Amino acid sequence: MGERVLKGDPDITVTLRKSARARRMTLRISQLDGRVTLTMPNRVPEREALAFAQEKHGWICKHLAAWEGTVPVGLNVALPVDGVLRTVVGGQGRAVQLEDDALAVPGPEARVPARALGFLKARARDRLAAASDHYAALLGRSYSGISIRDTRSRWGSCSSAGKLMYSWRLIMAPPAVLDYVAAHEVAHLAQMNHSPAFWAEVSRIYGPYDAPRNWLRSDGNALHRYRFGD
């Protein structure tokens, strides 16, 4: 729908987007470029959506002030792994090593971003496969495959054919968050919706999920700040 300007001190440019799937109006600030996006259901008039955003002017300013832009990964950069910030340092031998407070990456400095990325993707696949197996067993259903991608609109998905997809960036989040997303997507093997029955399945196989779900809403976007030269 294009861009609109919210008047204030300062003025804020907002990108408007209508969605047939949206049930309510939502504001999102991209951790990649600081863009503010207002998503609204198709039935909501633009003036009502802009009035909603205008009321949130202070909230938007607060979060824009906290936005720090992208973080190019390299030596001496703090990178979250399993929810813990680890300093990227030079390593010995051939394999990347995860230490208590560091990620030791061997090889030429120019190869550090790519090698760190490869380590995170492999660790994400292993952890997400294990978590998916665990929750699928609790659910009493099986899935047909797993893929790992770098998605920005969702943390995971489950197809009607039983194929699970996850963002590898979940390995940077606390383990409970990764486990919650795995349980969420596995629960779709039984309920391909977000009905009360679906959330009951999530609760049954995972337990209380408010904390990890809220973490994704408040802190999940920050995981997209880290760039690996890709």
C-alpha atoms as a PDB file:
ATOM      1  CA  MET A   1       0.000   0.000   0.000  1.00  0.00           C
ATOM      2  CA  GLY A   2       2.978   2.296   0.183  1.00  0.00           C
ATOM      3  CA  GLU A   3       4.432   4.573   2.814  1.00  0.00           C
ATOM      4  CA  ARG A   4       2.808   7.135   5.090  1.00  0.00           C
ATOM      5  CA  VAL A   5       4.280   9.645   7.546  1.00  0.00           C
ATOM      6  CA  LEU A   6       3.296   9.836  11.194  1.00  0.00           C
ATOM      7  CA  LYS A   7       3.592  13.416  12.421  1.00  0.00           C
ATOM      8  CA  GLY A   8       5.497  14.004  15.617  1.00  0.00           C
ATOM      9  CA  ASP A   9       8.911  14.778  17.035  1.00  0.00           C
ATOM     10  CA  PRO A  10      10.385  13.234  14.958  1.00  0.00           C
ATOM     11  CA  ASP A  11       8.195  12.357  11.970  1.00  0.00           C
ATOM     12  CA  ILE A  12       8.198   8.602  11.316  1.00  0.00           C
ATOM     13  CA  THR A  13       7.785   6.890   7.958  1.00  0.00           C
ATOM     14  CA  VAL A  14       5.561   3.807   8.149  1.00  0.00           C
ATOM     15  CA  THR A  15       5.078   1.156   5.470  1.00  0.00           C
ATOM     16  CA  LEU A  16       1.440   0.033   5.235  1.00  0.00           C
ATOM     17  CA  ARG A  17       0.583  -3.553   4.389  1.00  0.00           C
ATOM     18  CA  LYS A  18      -2.830  -5.197   4.133  1.00  0.00           C
ATOM     19  CA  SER A  19      -3.162  -8.900   4.838  1.00  0.00           C
ATOM     20  CA  ALA A  20      -6.090 -11.241   4.421  1.00  0.00           C
ATOM     21  CA  ARG A  21      -4.603 -13.412   7.184  1.00  0.00           C
ATOM     22  CA  ALA A  22      -4.194 -10.606   9.726  1.00  0.00           C
ATOM     23  CA  ARG A  23      -6.744 -10.606  12.545  1.00  0.00           C
ATOM     24  CA  ARG A  24      -5.587  -7.369  14.146  1.00  0.00           C
ATOM     25  CA  MET A  25      -3.350  -4.412  13.459  1.00  0.00           C
ATOM     26  CA  THR A  26       0.334  -4.932  14.269  1.00  0.00           C
ATOM     27  CA  LEU A  27       3.438  -2.766  14.204  1.00  0.00           C
ATOM     28  CA  ARG A  28       6.857  -4.239  13.510  1.00  0.00           C
ATOM     29  CA  ILE A  29      10.294  -2.639  13.461  1.00  0.00           C
ATOM     30  CA  SER A  30      12.814  -4.479  11.314  1.00  0.00           C
ATOM     31  CA  GLN A  31      16.093  -5.246  13.051  1.00  0.00           C
ATOM     32  CA  LEU A  32      17.749  -5.266   9.646  1.00  0.00           C
ATOM     33  CA  ASP A  33      17.071  -1.710   8.532  1.00  0.00           C
ATOM     34  CA  GLY A  34      14.822  -0.106  11.159  1.00  0.00           C
ATOM     35  CA  ARG A  35      11.822  -0.013   8.821  1.00  0.00           C
ATOM     36  CA  VAL A  36       8.471   0.385  10.562  1.00  0.00           C
ATOM     37  CA  THR A  37       5.691  -1.758   9.057  1.00  0.00           C
ATOM     38  CA  LEU A  38       2.012  -1.485   9.942  1.00  0.00           C
ATOM     39  CA  THR A  39       0.050  -4.605   8.989  1.00  0.00           C
ATOM     40  CA  MET A  40      -3.735  -4.439   8.995  1.00  0.00           C
ATOM     41  CA  PRO A  41      -6.650  -6.754   8.148  1.00  0.00           C
ATOM     42  CA  ASN A  42      -8.281  -6.076   4.792  1.00  0.00           C
ATOM     43  CA  ARG A  43     -11.447  -4.828   6.460  1.00  0.00           C
ATOM     44  CA  VAL A  44      -9.716  -2.051   8.415  1.00  0.00           C
ATOM     45  CA  PRO A  45      -9.808   1.425   6.769  1.00  0.00           C
ATOM     46  CA  GLU A  46      -6.462   3.117   6.278  1.00  0.00           C
ATOM     47  CA  ARG A  47      -7.411   6.112   8.429  1.00  0.00           C
ATOM     48  CA  GLU A  48      -8.187   3.811  11.355  1.00  0.00           C
ATOM     49  CA  ALA A  49      -4.876   2.025  10.953  1.00  0.00           C
ATOM     50  CA  LEU A  50      -2.962   5.313  10.804  1.00  0.00           C
ATOM     51  CA  ALA A  51      -4.759   6.536  13.921  1.00  0.00           C
ATOM     52  CA  PHE A  52      -3.676   3.334  15.664  1.00  0.00           C
ATOM     53  CA  ALA A  53      -0.069   3.882  14.589  1.00  0.00           C
ATOM     54  CA  GLN A  54      -0.184   7.538  15.631  1.00  0.00           C
ATOM     55  CA  GLU A  55      -1.194   6.497  19.138  1.00  0.00           C
ATOM     56  CA  LYS A  56       1.902   4.282  19.210  1.00  0.00           C
ATOM     57  CA  HIS A  57       4.257   7.106  18.181  1.00  0.00           C
ATOM     58  CA  GLY A  58       6.042   7.083  21.534  1.00  0.00           C
ATOM     59  CA  TRP A  59       6.401   3.297  21.495  1.00  0.00           C
ATOM     60  CA  ILE A  60       7.872   3.402  17.984  1.00  0.00           C
ATOM     61  CA  CYS A  61      10.357   6.133  18.947  1.00  0.00           C
ATOM     62  CA  LYS A  62      11.476   4.121  21.972  1.00  0.00           C
ATOM     63  CA  HIS A  63      12.154   1.007  19.910  1.00  0.00           C
ATOM     64  CA  LEU A  64      13.816   2.916  17.074  1.00  0.00           C
ATOM     65  CA  ALA A  65      16.161   4.478  19.616  1.00  0.00           C
ATOM     66  CA  ALA A  66      17.094   0.993  20.818  1.00  0.00           C
ATOM     67  CA  TRP A  67      17.659  -0.279  17.281  1.00  0.00           C
ATOM     68  CA  GLU A  68      21.389  -0.628  16.672  1.00  0.00           C
ATOM     69  CA  GLY A  69      21.464  -1.676  13.047  1.00  0.00           C
ATOM     70  CA  THR A  70      23.169  -4.720  11.604  1.00  0.00           C
ATOM     71  CA  VAL A  71      26.109  -6.564  13.165  1.00  0.00           C
ATOM     72  CA  PRO A  72      28.696  -7.928  10.704  1.00  0.00           C
ATOM     73  CA  VAL A  73      30.062 -11.124  12.252  1.00  0.00           C
ATOM     74  CA  GLY A  74      33.832 -11.376  12.560  1.00  0.00           C
ATOM     75  CA  LEU A  75      36.608 -11.625  15.120  1.00  0.00           C
ATOM     76  CA  ASN A  76      35.909  -9.938  18.482  1.00  0.00           C
ATOM     77  CA  VAL A  77      32.173  -9.635  17.752  1.00  0.00           C
ATOM     78  CA  ALA A  78      29.741 -10.844  20.424  1.00  0.00           C
ATOM     79  CA  LEU A  79      27.432 -13.449  18.863  1.00  0.00           C
ATOM     80  CA  PRO A  80      24.568 -15.219  20.667  1.00  0.00           C
ATOM     81  CA  VAL A  81      24.661 -19.023  20.617  1.00  0.00           C
ATOM     82  CA  ASP A  82      22.055 -20.921  22.637  1.00  0.00           C
ATOM     83  CA  GLY A  83      20.965 -17.589  24.087  1.00  0.00           C
ATOM     84  CA  VAL A  84      24.437 -16.760  25.466  1.00  0.00           C
ATOM     85  CA  LEU A  85      26.671 -14.046  23.998  1.00  0.00           C
ATOM     86  CA  ARG A  86      30.018 -15.525  22.941  1.00  0.00           C
ATOM     87  CA  THR A  87      32.937 -13.545  21.572  1.00  0.00           C
ATOM     88  CA  VAL A  88      34.145 -14.749  18.185  1.00  0.00           C
ATOM     89  CA  VAL A  89      37.863 -15.504  18.489  1.00  0.00           C
ATOM     90  CA  GLY A  90      40.517 -17.248  16.426  1.00  0.00           C
ATOM     91  CA  GLY A  91      40.691 -20.984  16.977  1.00  0.00           C
ATOM     92  CA  GLN A  92      43.110 -23.876  16.648  1.00  0.00           C
ATOM     93  CA  GLY A  93      42.786 -27.032  14.589  1.00  0.00           C
ATOM     94  CA  ARG A  94      40.137 -27.550  11.940  1.00  0.00           C
ATOM     95  CA  ALA A  95      36.766 -27.438  13.737  1.00  0.00           C
ATOM     96  CA  VAL A  96      34.859 -24.511  15.208  1.00  0.00           C
ATOM     97  CA  GLN A  97      34.679 -24.899  18.986  1.00  0.00           C
ATOM     98  CA  LEU A  98      31.927 -23.587  21.254  1.00  0.00           C
ATOM     99  CA  GLU A  99      33.313 -22.465  24.600  1.00  0.00           C
ATOM    100  CA  ASP A 100      31.644 -21.000  27.695  1.00  0.00           C
ATOM    101  CA  ASP A 101      32.110 -17.402  26.586  1.00  0.00           C
ATOM    102  CA  ALA A 102      33.605 -17.699  23.102  1.00  0.00           C
ATOM    103  CA  LEU A 103      33.164 -19.192  19.658  1.00  0.00           C
ATOM    104  CA  ALA A 104      36.618 -20.238  18.489  1.00  0.00           C
ATOM    105  CA  VAL A 105      36.828 -20.206  14.685  1.00  0.00           C
ATOM    106  CA  PRO A 106      40.055 -21.465  13.072  1.00  0.00           C
ATOM    107  CA  GLY A 107      41.406 -20.440   9.701  1.00  0.00           C
ATOM    108  CA  PRO A 108      42.006 -17.145   7.870  1.00  0.00           C
ATOM    109  CA  GLU A 109      40.149 -14.124   9.230  1.00  0.00           C
ATOM    110  CA  ALA A 110      38.356 -13.636   5.922  1.00  0.00           C
ATOM    111  CA  ARG A 111      36.768 -17.066   6.327  1.00  0.00           C
ATOM    112  CA  VAL A 112      35.537 -16.503   9.896  1.00  0.00           C
ATOM    113  CA  PRO A 113      31.991 -15.309   8.991  1.00  0.00           C
ATOM    114  CA  ALA A 114      31.341 -18.232   6.637  1.00  0.00           C
ATOM    115  CA  ARG A 115      32.780 -20.806   9.052  1.00  0.00           C
ATOM    116  CA  ALA A 116      30.785 -19.409  11.969  1.00  0.00           C
ATOM    117  CA  LEU A 117      27.656 -19.540   9.819  1.00  0.00           C
ATOM    118  CA  GLY A 118      28.308 -23.146   8.836  1.00  0.00           C
ATOM    119  CA  PHE A 119      28.748 -24.104  12.482  1.00  0.00           C
ATOM    120  CA  LEU A 120      25.491 -22.412  13.507  1.00  0.00           C
ATOM    121  CA  LYS A 121      23.508 -24.019  10.699  1.00  0.00           C
ATOM    122  CA  ALA A 122      24.819 -27.495  11.500  1.00  0.00           C
ATOM    123  CA  ARG A 123      24.135 -27.032  15.211  1.00  0.00           C
ATOM    124  CA  ALA A 124      20.650 -25.723  14.434  1.00  0.00           C
ATOM    125  CA  ARG A 125      19.843 -28.744  12.256  1.00  0.00           C
ATOM    126  CA  ASP A 126      21.011 -31.173  14.943  1.00  0.00           C
ATOM    127  CA  ARG A 127      19.122 -29.440  17.758  1.00  0.00           C
ATOM    128  CA  LEU A 128      15.934 -28.924  15.759  1.00  0.00           C
ATOM    129  CA  ALA A 129      15.926 -32.514  14.494  1.00  0.00           C
ATOM    130  CA  ALA A 130      16.338 -33.808  18.052  1.00  0.00           C
ATOM    131  CA  ALA A 131      13.615 -31.510  19.371  1.00  0.00           C
ATOM    132  CA  SER A 132      11.256 -32.436  16.517  1.00  0.00           C
ATOM    133  CA  ASP A 133      11.825 -36.145  17.170  1.00  0.00           C
ATOM    134  CA  HIS A 134      11.125 -35.620  20.873  1.00  0.00           C
ATOM    135  CA  TYR A 135       7.869 -33.721  20.423  1.00  0.00           C
ATOM    136  CA  ALA A 136       6.668 -35.900  17.545  1.00  0.00           C
ATOM    137  CA  ALA A 137       7.049 -38.935  19.829  1.00  0.00           C
ATOM    138  CA  LEU A 138       5.038 -37.179  22.547  1.00  0.00           C
ATOM    139  CA  LEU A 139       2.388 -36.223  20.005  1.00  0.00           C
ATOM    140  CA  GLY A 140       2.239 -39.716  18.541  1.00  0.00           C
ATOM    141  CA  ARG A 141       2.712 -38.447  14.984  1.00  0.00           C
ATOM    142  CA  SER A 142       5.597 -38.550  12.512  1.00  0.00           C
ATOM    143  CA  TYR A 143       6.902 -35.918  10.126  1.00  0.00           C
ATOM    144  CA  SER A 144       8.264 -36.494   6.636  1.00  0.00           C
ATOM    145  CA  GLY A 145      11.311 -34.232   6.603  1.00  0.00           C
ATOM    146  CA  ILE A 146      13.102 -31.166   7.975  1.00  0.00           C
ATOM    147  CA  SER A 147      14.658 -28.209   6.179  1.00  0.00           C
ATOM    148  CA  ILE A 148      16.658 -25.318   7.618  1.00  0.00           C
ATOM    149  CA  ARG A 149      16.412 -21.880   6.020  1.00  0.00           C
ATOM    150  CA  ASP A 150      16.972 -18.210   6.787  1.00  0.00           C
ATOM    151  CA  THR A 151      13.381 -16.989   6.893  1.00  0.00           C
ATOM    152  CA  ARG A 152      12.408 -13.541   8.130  1.00  0.00           C
ATOM    153  CA  SER A 153       8.624 -13.776   8.182  1.00  0.00           C
ATOM    154  CA  ARG A 154       8.295 -16.912  10.316  1.00  0.00           C
ATOM    155  CA  TRP A 155      10.374 -19.079  12.623  1.00  0.00           C
ATOM    156  CA  GLY A 156       8.999 -22.346  11.349  1.00  0.00           C
ATOM    157  CA  SER A 157       6.267 -24.034   9.361  1.00  0.00           C
ATOM    158  CA  CYS A 158       4.631 -27.407   8.845  1.00  0.00           C
ATOM    159  CA  SER A 159       3.245 -28.401   5.454  1.00  0.00           C
ATOM    160  CA  SER A 160       0.185 -30.547   4.856  1.00  0.00           C
ATOM    161  CA  ALA A 161       2.625 -33.278   3.761  1.00  0.00           C
ATOM    162  CA  GLY A 162       4.244 -33.247   7.198  1.00  0.00           C
ATOM    163  CA  LYS A 163       7.427 -31.411   6.201  1.00  0.00           C
ATOM    164  CA  LEU A 164       8.891 -29.159   8.886  1.00  0.00           C
ATOM    165  CA  MET A 165      10.837 -25.993   8.115  1.00  0.00           C
ATOM    166  CA  TYR A 166      12.762 -23.905  10.643  1.00  0.00           C
ATOM    167  CA  SER A 167      14.902 -20.799  10.688  1.00  0.00           C
ATOM    168  CA  TRP A 168      18.470 -21.744  11.566  1.00  0.00           C
ATOM    169  CA  ARG A 169      18.695 -18.488  13.560  1.00  0.00           C
ATOM    170  CA  LEU A 170      16.759 -20.208  16.340  1.00  0.00           C
ATOM    171  CA  ILE A 171      20.104 -21.650  17.467  1.00  0.00           C
ATOM    172  CA  MET A 172      21.006 -18.144  18.618  1.00  0.00           C
ATOM    173  CA  ALA A 173      17.941 -17.976  20.878  1.00  0.00           C
ATOM    174  CA  PRO A 174      17.670 -19.537  24.356  1.00  0.00           C
ATOM    175  CA  PRO A 175      17.154 -23.332  24.134  1.00  0.00           C
ATOM    176  CA  ALA A 176      13.619 -23.069  25.547  1.00  0.00           C
ATOM    177  CA  VAL A 177      12.657 -20.830  22.614  1.00  0.00           C
ATOM    178  CA  LEU A 178      14.013 -23.272  20.034  1.00  0.00           C
ATOM    179  CA  ASP A 179      12.183 -26.112  21.785  1.00  0.00           C
ATOM    180  CA  TYR A 180       8.936 -24.141  21.814  1.00  0.00           C
ATOM    181  CA  VAL A 181       9.095 -23.477  18.063  1.00  0.00           C
ATOM    182  CA  ALA A 182       9.770 -27.174  17.422  1.00  0.00           C
ATOM    183  CA  ALA A 183       6.806 -28.167  19.610  1.00  0.00           C
ATOM    184  CA  HIS A 184       4.628 -25.549  17.887  1.00  0.00           C
ATOM    185  CA  GLU A 185       5.378 -26.837  14.396  1.00  0.00           C
ATOM    186  CA  VAL A 186       5.143 -30.496  15.403  1.00  0.00           C
ATOM    187  CA  ALA A 187       1.712 -29.806  16.936  1.00  0.00           C
ATOM    188  CA  HIS A 188       0.563 -28.811  13.446  1.00  0.00           C
ATOM    189  CA  LEU A 189       0.944 -32.455  12.448  1.00  0.00           C
ATOM    190  CA  ALA A 190      -2.236 -33.011  14.475  1.00  0.00           C
ATOM    191  CA  GLN A 191      -3.912 -29.616  14.022  1.00  0.00           C
ATOM    192  CA  MET A 192      -3.229 -27.600  10.860  1.00  0.00           C
ATOM    193  CA  ASN A 193      -4.611 -24.436  12.400  1.00  0.00           C
ATOM    194  CA  HIS A 194      -4.292 -22.227  15.456  1.00  0.00           C
ATOM    195  CA  SER A 195      -7.504 -23.330  17.118  1.00  0.00           C
ATOM    196  CA  PRO A 196      -7.894 -23.976  20.863  1.00  0.00           C
ATOM    197  CA  ALA A 197      -7.319 -27.645  20.042  1.00  0.00           C
ATOM    198  CA  PHE A 198      -3.956 -26.770  18.503  1.00  0.00           C
ATOM    199  CA  TRP A 199      -2.811 -24.769  21.524  1.00  0.00           C
ATOM    200  CA  ALA A 200      -3.958 -27.604  23.758  1.00  0.00           C
ATOM    201  CA  GLU A 201      -1.596 -29.925  21.861  1.00  0.00           C
ATOM    202  CA  VAL A 202       1.263 -27.438  22.268  1.00  0.00           C
ATOM    203  CA  SER A 203       0.581 -27.270  26.001  1.00  0.00           C
ATOM    204  CA  ARG A 204       0.403 -31.057  26.260  1.00  0.00           C
ATOM    205  CA  ILE A 205       3.731 -31.768  24.586  1.00  0.00           C
ATOM    206  CA  TYR A 206       5.664 -28.645  25.599  1.00  0.00           C
ATOM    207  CA  GLY A 207       4.022 -27.203  28.698  1.00  0.00           C
ATOM    208  CA  PRO A 208       3.473 -23.483  29.454  1.00  0.00           C
ATOM    209  CA  TYR A 209       4.582 -21.596  26.369  1.00  0.00           C
ATOM    210  CA  ASP A 210       3.895 -17.924  27.147  1.00  0.00           C
ATOM    211  CA  ALA A 211       7.500 -17.099  28.096  1.00  0.00           C
ATOM    212  CA  PRO A 212       9.218 -18.368  24.901  1.00  0.00           C
ATOM    213  CA  ARG A 213       6.400 -17.063  22.747  1.00  0.00           C
ATOM    214  CA  ASN A 214       6.761 -13.602  24.300  1.00  0.00           C
ATOM    215  CA  TRP A 215      10.548 -13.772  23.905  1.00  0.00           C
ATOM    216  CA  LEU A 216      10.145 -14.266  20.167  1.00  0.00           C
ATOM    217  CA  ARG A 217       7.815 -11.298  19.957  1.00  0.00           C
ATOM    218  CA  SER A 218      10.048  -8.969  21.948  1.00  0.00           C
ATOM    219  CA  ASP A 219      13.569 -10.182  21.107  1.00  0.00           C
ATOM    220  CA  GLY A 220      13.293 -12.500  18.124  1.00  0.00           C
ATOM    221  CA  ASN A 221      13.788  -9.814  15.477  1.00  0.00           C
ATOM    222  CA  ALA A 222      17.185  -8.952  16.959  1.00  0.00           C
ATOM    223  CA  LEU A 223      18.508 -12.321  15.752  1.00  0.00           C
ATOM    224  CA  HIS A 224      18.266 -11.015  12.183  1.00  0.00           C
ATOM    225  CA  ARG A 225      20.760  -8.236  12.921  1.00  0.00           C
ATOM    226  CA  TYR A 226      23.709 -10.599  12.592  1.00  0.00           C
ATOM    227  CA  ARG A 227      25.124 -10.770   9.082  1.00  0.00           C
ATOM    228  CA  PHE A 228      27.662 -13.296   7.863  1.00  0.00           C
ATOM    229  CA  GLY A 229      28.647 -11.722   4.591  1.00  0.00           C
ATOM    230  CA  ASP A 230      25.835 -13.600   2.835  1.00  0.00           C
END
